[in-house]
N, C-alpha and C. Protein backbone atom coordinates (compact mmCIF):
# COMPACT_ATOMS: atom_id res chain seq x y z
N MET A 1 -2.52 -29.83 -27.13
CA MET A 1 -2.54 -29.69 -28.85
C MET A 1 -1.00 -29.36 -29.37
N SER A 2 -1.01 -29.70 -30.35
CA SER A 2 0.65 -29.28 -30.90
C SER A 2 0.61 -27.96 -31.48
N GLU A 3 1.95 -27.30 -31.55
CA GLU A 3 2.06 -25.87 -32.13
C GLU A 3 1.92 -26.09 -33.56
N PRO A 4 1.33 -25.02 -34.21
CA PRO A 4 1.15 -25.04 -35.73
C PRO A 4 2.36 -24.97 -36.31
N LEU A 5 2.57 -25.52 -37.38
CA LEU A 5 3.93 -25.44 -38.22
C LEU A 5 3.90 -23.84 -38.77
N ARG A 6 2.83 -23.06 -39.20
CA ARG A 6 3.03 -21.84 -39.49
C ARG A 6 1.73 -21.01 -39.23
N THR A 7 1.95 -19.77 -39.03
CA THR A 7 0.78 -18.92 -38.47
C THR A 7 1.00 -17.68 -39.22
N CYS A 8 -0.02 -17.16 -40.18
CA CYS A 8 0.16 -15.94 -40.78
C CYS A 8 -0.01 -14.59 -39.90
N ARG A 9 0.95 -13.82 -40.04
CA ARG A 9 1.10 -12.72 -39.20
C ARG A 9 -0.15 -11.86 -39.67
N GLY A 10 -0.90 -11.82 -41.00
CA GLY A 10 -1.72 -11.09 -41.28
C GLY A 10 -3.16 -11.36 -40.90
N CYS A 11 -3.54 -12.69 -41.14
CA CYS A 11 -4.98 -12.97 -40.85
C CYS A 11 -5.12 -14.08 -39.76
N GLY A 12 -3.88 -14.64 -39.34
CA GLY A 12 -3.84 -15.60 -38.35
C GLY A 12 -4.32 -17.14 -38.65
N VAL A 13 -4.32 -17.28 -40.08
CA VAL A 13 -4.70 -18.65 -40.37
C VAL A 13 -3.55 -19.37 -40.22
N CYS A 14 -3.39 -20.67 -39.72
CA CYS A 14 -2.61 -21.73 -39.24
C CYS A 14 -2.50 -22.66 -40.11
N ALA A 15 -1.11 -23.18 -40.45
CA ALA A 15 -0.88 -24.53 -41.01
C ALA A 15 -0.47 -25.44 -40.07
N ASN A 16 -1.45 -26.50 -39.71
CA ASN A 16 -1.30 -27.43 -38.87
C ASN A 16 -0.53 -28.63 -39.27
N ASN A 17 -0.43 -28.68 -40.82
CA ASN A 17 0.29 -29.79 -41.13
C ASN A 17 0.85 -29.65 -42.54
N LEU A 18 1.47 -30.35 -43.07
CA LEU A 18 2.29 -30.16 -44.38
C LEU A 18 1.45 -29.94 -45.38
N GLU A 19 0.10 -30.13 -45.52
CA GLU A 19 -0.84 -29.80 -46.65
C GLU A 19 -1.23 -28.42 -46.48
N ASP A 20 -1.36 -27.97 -45.41
CA ASP A 20 -1.86 -26.40 -45.12
C ASP A 20 -0.43 -25.86 -45.40
N LEU A 21 0.63 -26.16 -45.55
CA LEU A 21 1.50 -25.31 -45.90
C LEU A 21 1.60 -24.63 -47.34
N SER A 22 0.76 -25.39 -48.19
CA SER A 22 0.35 -25.11 -49.47
C SER A 22 -0.06 -23.70 -49.55
N ASP A 23 -0.65 -23.19 -48.55
CA ASP A 23 -1.11 -21.80 -48.44
C ASP A 23 -0.16 -20.68 -48.17
N PHE A 24 1.06 -21.23 -47.93
CA PHE A 24 2.09 -20.10 -47.56
C PHE A 24 3.19 -20.16 -48.82
N ILE A 25 3.92 -19.13 -48.97
CA ILE A 25 4.67 -18.93 -49.98
C ILE A 25 6.28 -19.38 -49.34
N ARG A 26 6.84 -20.02 -50.30
CA ARG A 26 8.09 -20.57 -49.88
C ARG A 26 9.13 -19.47 -49.69
N ASN A 27 10.09 -19.40 -48.71
CA ASN A 27 10.89 -18.35 -48.41
C ASN A 27 11.89 -18.97 -47.62
N LYS A 28 13.20 -19.44 -48.35
CA LYS A 28 14.30 -19.82 -47.85
C LYS A 28 14.89 -19.32 -46.70
N SER A 29 14.79 -17.74 -46.72
CA SER A 29 15.38 -16.96 -45.85
C SER A 29 14.96 -16.93 -44.50
N GLN A 30 13.42 -17.50 -44.44
CA GLN A 30 12.93 -17.70 -43.15
C GLN A 30 13.22 -18.95 -42.48
N LEU A 31 13.31 -19.08 -41.24
CA LEU A 31 13.87 -20.43 -40.28
C LEU A 31 12.75 -21.40 -40.68
N HIS A 32 11.49 -21.34 -40.95
CA HIS A 32 10.90 -22.83 -41.19
C HIS A 32 10.73 -22.81 -42.89
N GLY A 33 11.03 -22.01 -43.60
CA GLY A 33 11.33 -22.14 -44.86
C GLY A 33 10.15 -21.56 -45.68
N TYR A 34 9.06 -21.08 -44.94
CA TYR A 34 7.80 -20.54 -45.51
C TYR A 34 7.83 -18.90 -45.12
N ASP A 35 7.14 -18.18 -45.85
CA ASP A 35 6.84 -16.77 -45.22
C ASP A 35 6.22 -16.56 -44.54
N ASN A 36 6.11 -15.40 -43.69
CA ASN A 36 5.20 -15.15 -42.41
C ASN A 36 3.89 -14.77 -42.78
N HIS A 37 3.50 -14.72 -44.00
CA HIS A 37 2.37 -14.69 -44.49
C HIS A 37 1.77 -15.50 -45.36
N CYS A 38 0.31 -15.69 -45.27
CA CYS A 38 -0.54 -16.60 -46.33
C CYS A 38 -0.16 -15.93 -47.65
N LYS A 39 -0.74 -16.74 -48.44
CA LYS A 39 -0.65 -16.27 -50.15
C LYS A 39 -1.53 -15.23 -50.39
N THR A 40 -2.69 -15.17 -49.72
CA THR A 40 -3.77 -14.29 -49.78
C THR A 40 -3.17 -12.91 -49.07
N CYS A 41 -2.85 -13.11 -48.07
CA CYS A 41 -2.21 -11.77 -47.46
C CYS A 41 -1.15 -11.20 -48.12
N ARG A 42 -0.06 -11.96 -48.54
CA ARG A 42 0.89 -11.52 -49.30
C ARG A 42 0.70 -10.80 -50.59
N ASN A 43 -0.42 -11.23 -51.26
CA ASN A 43 -0.70 -10.79 -52.39
C ASN A 43 -1.75 -9.35 -52.10
N ALA A 44 -2.25 -9.51 -50.95
CA ALA A 44 -3.00 -8.05 -50.86
C ALA A 44 -1.99 -7.14 -50.53
N GLN A 45 -0.82 -7.56 -49.61
CA GLN A 45 0.15 -6.40 -49.66
C GLN A 45 0.86 -5.93 -50.65
N ILE A 46 1.16 -6.88 -51.58
CA ILE A 46 1.75 -6.41 -53.04
C ILE A 46 0.92 -5.34 -53.94
N ARG A 47 -0.49 -5.68 -53.76
CA ARG A 47 -1.52 -4.78 -54.40
C ARG A 47 -1.55 -3.74 -53.68
N VAL A 48 -1.49 -3.43 -52.45
CA VAL A 48 -1.45 -2.10 -51.79
C VAL A 48 -0.13 -1.45 -52.18
N TRP A 49 0.88 -2.27 -52.08
CA TRP A 49 2.41 -1.48 -52.36
C TRP A 49 2.21 -0.66 -53.83
N LYS A 50 2.03 -1.64 -54.83
CA LYS A 50 1.95 -1.20 -56.17
C LYS A 50 0.99 0.25 -56.33
N ALA A 51 -0.19 0.13 -55.75
CA ALA A 51 -0.98 1.10 -55.78
C ALA A 51 -0.52 2.26 -54.79
N THR A 52 0.22 2.37 -53.78
CA THR A 52 0.56 3.55 -53.05
C THR A 52 1.88 3.96 -53.86
N LYS A 53 2.90 3.14 -54.32
CA LYS A 53 4.04 3.55 -54.88
C LYS A 53 4.00 4.29 -56.47
N GLY A 54 2.72 3.85 -56.82
CA GLY A 54 2.67 4.33 -58.40
C GLY A 54 3.27 3.56 -59.24
N LYS A 55 2.94 3.73 -60.69
CA LYS A 55 3.52 2.88 -61.78
C LYS A 55 5.12 3.30 -61.88
N GLY A 56 5.31 4.57 -61.64
CA GLY A 56 6.72 4.97 -61.91
C GLY A 56 7.61 4.89 -60.71
N TYR A 57 7.40 4.04 -59.73
CA TYR A 57 8.01 3.91 -58.66
C TYR A 57 9.63 3.49 -58.90
N GLN A 58 9.71 2.43 -59.50
CA GLN A 58 11.13 2.01 -59.74
C GLN A 58 11.85 3.29 -60.59
N GLN A 59 11.37 3.97 -61.52
CA GLN A 59 12.10 5.05 -62.36
C GLN A 59 12.43 6.14 -61.45
N CYS A 60 11.38 6.27 -60.37
CA CYS A 60 11.70 7.38 -59.42
C CYS A 60 13.03 6.91 -58.56
N ALA A 61 12.88 5.79 -58.21
CA ALA A 61 14.03 5.06 -57.21
C ALA A 61 15.55 5.12 -58.03
N ARG A 62 15.61 4.78 -59.35
CA ARG A 62 16.66 4.76 -60.07
C ARG A 62 17.28 6.31 -60.21
N LEU A 63 16.29 7.10 -60.58
CA LEU A 63 16.65 8.66 -60.68
C LEU A 63 17.38 9.07 -59.51
N ARG A 64 16.54 8.94 -58.34
CA ARG A 64 17.18 9.36 -57.18
C ARG A 64 18.64 8.63 -56.72
N ALA A 65 18.64 7.35 -56.82
CA ALA A 65 19.94 6.58 -56.55
C ALA A 65 21.09 6.90 -57.69
N VAL A 66 20.91 6.90 -58.95
CA VAL A 66 21.94 6.98 -59.84
C VAL A 66 22.18 8.35 -60.23
N TYR A 67 21.28 9.42 -60.30
CA TYR A 67 21.71 10.69 -60.85
C TYR A 67 21.14 11.83 -59.53
N GLY A 68 20.78 11.34 -58.45
CA GLY A 68 20.59 12.45 -57.51
C GLY A 68 19.19 13.14 -57.93
N LEU A 69 18.44 12.74 -58.74
CA LEU A 69 17.21 13.46 -59.22
C LEU A 69 16.14 13.03 -58.70
N THR A 70 15.06 14.00 -58.36
CA THR A 70 13.64 13.66 -58.18
C THR A 70 12.94 13.59 -59.37
N LEU A 71 11.67 13.06 -59.36
CA LEU A 71 10.87 13.07 -60.59
C LEU A 71 10.35 14.27 -60.96
N GLU A 72 10.30 15.35 -59.93
CA GLU A 72 9.85 16.69 -59.98
C GLU A 72 10.97 17.37 -61.11
N GLN A 73 12.13 17.16 -60.53
CA GLN A 73 13.55 17.74 -61.31
C GLN A 73 13.59 17.24 -62.58
N TYR A 74 13.22 15.81 -62.89
CA TYR A 74 13.30 15.48 -64.25
C TYR A 74 12.35 16.05 -64.97
N ASP A 75 11.16 16.16 -64.70
CA ASP A 75 10.09 16.86 -65.41
C ASP A 75 10.38 18.31 -65.66
N THR A 76 11.05 19.13 -64.68
CA THR A 76 11.23 20.55 -64.97
C THR A 76 12.46 20.30 -66.01
N MET A 77 13.46 19.54 -65.94
CA MET A 77 14.51 19.43 -66.95
C MET A 77 13.84 19.31 -68.24
N LEU A 78 12.80 18.49 -68.43
CA LEU A 78 12.14 17.88 -69.62
C LEU A 78 11.34 19.45 -70.34
N SER A 79 10.80 19.80 -69.14
CA SER A 79 9.95 21.16 -69.72
C SER A 79 10.87 22.03 -70.03
N THR A 80 12.08 22.34 -69.40
CA THR A 80 12.88 23.31 -70.00
C THR A 80 13.47 23.24 -71.23
N GLN A 81 13.65 22.04 -71.81
CA GLN A 81 14.01 21.52 -72.96
C GLN A 81 13.02 21.52 -73.92
N GLY A 82 11.66 21.75 -73.74
CA GLY A 82 10.61 21.94 -74.51
C GLY A 82 9.98 20.70 -74.84
N GLY A 83 10.41 19.50 -73.75
CA GLY A 83 9.84 18.49 -74.10
C GLY A 83 10.46 17.43 -75.00
N SER A 84 11.59 17.69 -75.67
CA SER A 84 12.23 16.95 -76.62
C SER A 84 13.69 16.73 -76.14
N CYS A 85 14.26 15.95 -76.95
CA CYS A 85 15.70 15.50 -76.65
C CYS A 85 16.60 17.07 -76.94
N SER A 86 17.43 16.88 -76.08
CA SER A 86 18.52 18.18 -75.93
C SER A 86 19.32 18.33 -77.15
N ILE A 87 19.53 16.96 -78.02
CA ILE A 87 20.31 17.30 -79.17
C ILE A 87 19.34 17.38 -80.58
N CYS A 88 18.77 16.24 -80.74
CA CYS A 88 18.02 16.20 -81.98
C CYS A 88 16.60 17.05 -81.97
N LYS A 89 16.02 17.25 -80.62
CA LYS A 89 14.61 17.97 -80.66
C LYS A 89 13.62 16.95 -80.91
N THR A 90 13.84 15.73 -81.15
CA THR A 90 12.63 14.83 -80.97
C THR A 90 11.84 14.77 -80.09
N VAL A 91 10.68 14.41 -79.90
CA VAL A 91 9.61 14.46 -78.77
C VAL A 91 9.64 12.92 -78.28
N THR A 92 9.82 11.98 -79.33
CA THR A 92 10.02 10.44 -79.10
C THR A 92 11.13 10.12 -78.57
N PRO A 93 11.05 9.54 -77.35
CA PRO A 93 12.34 9.10 -76.64
C PRO A 93 12.99 7.77 -77.24
N ASP A 94 12.18 7.17 -77.79
CA ASP A 94 12.52 5.95 -78.50
C ASP A 94 13.49 4.89 -77.65
N HIS A 95 12.99 4.95 -76.47
CA HIS A 95 13.60 3.93 -75.31
C HIS A 95 12.50 3.05 -74.68
N GLY A 96 12.88 1.87 -74.19
CA GLY A 96 12.01 0.88 -73.78
C GLY A 96 11.16 1.36 -72.67
N SER A 97 11.55 2.32 -71.76
CA SER A 97 11.07 3.00 -70.76
C SER A 97 9.78 3.92 -71.16
N GLY A 98 10.01 4.47 -72.38
CA GLY A 98 9.08 5.71 -72.81
C GLY A 98 9.63 6.90 -72.32
N ARG A 99 10.69 7.07 -71.59
CA ARG A 99 11.08 8.47 -71.06
C ARG A 99 12.47 8.64 -71.83
N PHE A 100 12.97 9.72 -71.68
CA PHE A 100 14.18 10.18 -72.17
C PHE A 100 15.08 9.72 -71.28
N VAL A 101 16.39 9.48 -71.92
CA VAL A 101 17.64 9.17 -70.95
C VAL A 101 18.35 10.34 -70.26
N VAL A 102 18.73 10.05 -69.06
CA VAL A 102 19.30 11.29 -68.47
C VAL A 102 21.00 11.19 -68.93
N ASP A 103 21.23 11.88 -69.58
CA ASP A 103 22.58 12.16 -70.17
C ASP A 103 23.63 12.94 -68.86
N HIS A 104 24.76 12.14 -68.71
CA HIS A 104 25.39 12.54 -67.54
C HIS A 104 27.00 12.43 -67.73
N CYS A 105 27.84 13.28 -67.19
CA CYS A 105 29.50 13.12 -67.58
C CYS A 105 29.98 11.98 -66.56
N HIS A 106 30.48 10.96 -67.29
CA HIS A 106 30.98 9.85 -66.90
C HIS A 106 32.22 10.06 -65.89
N THR A 107 32.93 11.20 -65.80
CA THR A 107 34.06 11.50 -65.23
C THR A 107 33.47 12.24 -63.76
N THR A 108 32.55 13.16 -63.79
CA THR A 108 32.24 14.05 -62.67
C THR A 108 30.89 13.38 -62.25
N GLY A 109 30.02 12.84 -62.89
CA GLY A 109 28.65 12.46 -62.67
C GLY A 109 27.67 13.69 -62.81
N ALA A 110 28.03 14.84 -63.27
CA ALA A 110 27.29 15.68 -63.43
C ALA A 110 25.97 15.40 -64.53
N VAL A 111 24.88 15.81 -64.35
CA VAL A 111 23.76 15.67 -65.27
C VAL A 111 23.75 16.79 -66.22
N ARG A 112 23.87 16.50 -67.62
CA ARG A 112 23.73 17.46 -68.63
C ARG A 112 22.31 17.68 -69.22
N GLY A 113 21.65 16.57 -69.31
CA GLY A 113 20.39 17.02 -69.87
C GLY A 113 19.65 15.59 -70.29
N LEU A 114 18.61 15.89 -71.05
CA LEU A 114 17.96 14.44 -71.26
C LEU A 114 17.81 14.25 -72.61
N LEU A 115 18.11 13.04 -73.08
CA LEU A 115 18.22 12.70 -74.55
C LEU A 115 17.59 11.53 -75.15
N CYS A 116 17.06 11.50 -76.25
CA CYS A 116 16.54 10.31 -76.86
C CYS A 116 17.54 9.20 -76.94
N ASN A 117 17.22 8.00 -76.98
CA ASN A 117 18.17 7.03 -76.91
C ASN A 117 19.25 6.85 -77.94
N SER A 118 18.80 7.39 -79.11
CA SER A 118 19.64 7.45 -80.34
C SER A 118 20.94 8.71 -79.89
N CYS A 119 20.42 9.54 -79.58
CA CYS A 119 21.50 10.69 -79.34
C CYS A 119 22.40 9.85 -78.08
N ASN A 120 21.71 9.32 -77.19
CA ASN A 120 22.57 8.83 -76.03
C ASN A 120 23.64 7.97 -76.48
N VAL A 121 23.32 7.00 -77.28
CA VAL A 121 24.07 5.88 -78.08
C VAL A 121 25.17 6.67 -78.72
N LEU A 122 24.83 7.65 -79.66
CA LEU A 122 25.98 8.46 -80.11
C LEU A 122 26.97 9.08 -79.56
N LEU A 123 26.62 9.68 -78.24
CA LEU A 123 27.55 10.03 -77.29
C LEU A 123 28.15 8.94 -76.60
N GLY A 124 27.62 7.94 -76.39
CA GLY A 124 28.35 6.96 -75.76
C GLY A 124 29.40 6.26 -76.64
N GLY A 125 28.91 6.05 -78.06
CA GLY A 125 29.81 5.43 -78.94
C GLY A 125 31.04 6.37 -79.06
N ALA A 126 30.97 7.62 -79.22
CA ALA A 126 32.00 8.52 -79.16
C ALA A 126 32.87 8.43 -77.85
N LYS A 127 32.38 7.81 -76.69
CA LYS A 127 32.93 8.10 -75.66
C LYS A 127 32.99 9.52 -75.17
N ASP A 128 32.05 10.17 -75.37
CA ASP A 128 31.85 11.60 -75.03
C ASP A 128 33.26 12.53 -75.54
N ASN A 129 33.72 12.00 -76.43
CA ASN A 129 35.11 12.55 -77.00
C ASN A 129 34.75 13.56 -78.18
N GLN A 130 34.88 15.01 -77.80
CA GLN A 130 34.53 16.17 -78.65
C GLN A 130 35.13 15.92 -79.98
N SER A 131 36.42 15.51 -80.13
CA SER A 131 37.25 15.78 -81.21
C SER A 131 36.69 14.43 -82.24
N VAL A 132 36.29 13.14 -81.68
CA VAL A 132 35.75 12.08 -82.44
C VAL A 132 34.14 12.67 -83.05
N LEU A 133 33.43 13.54 -82.15
CA LEU A 133 32.07 13.97 -82.86
C LEU A 133 32.38 15.02 -83.82
N LEU A 134 33.52 15.70 -83.72
CA LEU A 134 33.63 16.79 -84.78
C LEU A 134 34.26 15.96 -85.86
N GLU A 135 35.04 15.04 -85.95
CA GLU A 135 35.55 14.49 -87.09
C GLU A 135 34.37 13.83 -87.52
N ALA A 136 33.51 13.22 -86.98
CA ALA A 136 32.23 12.62 -87.56
C ALA A 136 31.59 13.47 -88.35
N VAL A 137 31.41 14.85 -87.87
CA VAL A 137 30.62 15.97 -88.58
C VAL A 137 31.48 16.19 -89.81
N GLN A 138 32.75 16.33 -89.75
CA GLN A 138 33.79 16.83 -90.91
C GLN A 138 33.39 15.55 -92.05
N TYR A 139 33.22 14.43 -91.52
CA TYR A 139 33.14 13.02 -92.44
C TYR A 139 31.97 13.14 -93.23
N LEU A 140 30.72 13.67 -92.41
CA LEU A 140 29.57 13.75 -93.17
C LEU A 140 29.41 14.94 -94.21
N ILE A 141 30.02 16.06 -93.85
CA ILE A 141 30.27 17.00 -94.61
C ILE A 141 30.80 16.72 -95.92
N ARG A 142 32.22 15.91 -95.64
CA ARG A 142 32.90 15.47 -96.90
C ARG A 142 32.21 14.61 -97.72
N THR A 143 31.54 13.62 -97.00
CA THR A 143 31.00 12.50 -98.02
C THR A 143 29.61 12.85 -98.56
N ASN A 144 28.90 13.71 -98.03
CA ASN A 144 27.66 14.36 -98.44
C ASN A 144 28.15 15.28 -99.77
N LYS A 145 29.05 15.87 -99.56
CA LYS A 145 29.60 16.76 -101.18
C LYS A 145 29.82 15.73 -102.10
N GLU A 146 30.65 14.80 -101.60
CA GLU A 146 31.15 13.69 -102.81
C GLU A 146 29.93 12.94 -103.40
N THR A 147 28.94 12.48 -102.60
CA THR A 147 27.79 11.76 -103.18
C THR A 147 26.89 12.65 -103.86
N THR A 148 26.85 13.96 -103.57
CA THR A 148 25.75 14.93 -104.33
C THR A 148 26.41 15.28 -105.58
N ASN A 149 27.93 15.12 -105.67
CA ASN A 149 28.56 15.73 -107.07
C ASN A 149 28.52 14.53 -107.81
N VAL A 150 28.19 13.28 -107.83
CA VAL A 150 28.47 12.11 -108.47
C VAL A 150 27.32 12.20 -109.66
């Protein structure tokens, strides 16, 4: 009897011919071009992975990798800020992730606080330059006086 083309490492199902290979996921990194697990076992593995990692797994991994923060540290920061943006005090992050953005110094990498997306864009647009932001405040004061006196 000939050797099967592929055998699932999960359930042991064999692909004895090319038609049976349709039960396996294509994977070019594997020697035979197919995954080591059949579609049923791979889908089961993915369901288990998602269940054990939780919904915010990618958020946790990004916090750790980019900012060196755990989700608990993030939550503590948010609690310390009263559950709101550190600048405008809104409780609505207005960010696609539904979470506040981690504001950090681009020079040192130090985390400064949590901001709504609008305030984060404001600081980013000013390139964190205090004099630009102060000029913007002066501009608003000046132009508000002009528009109210008209």
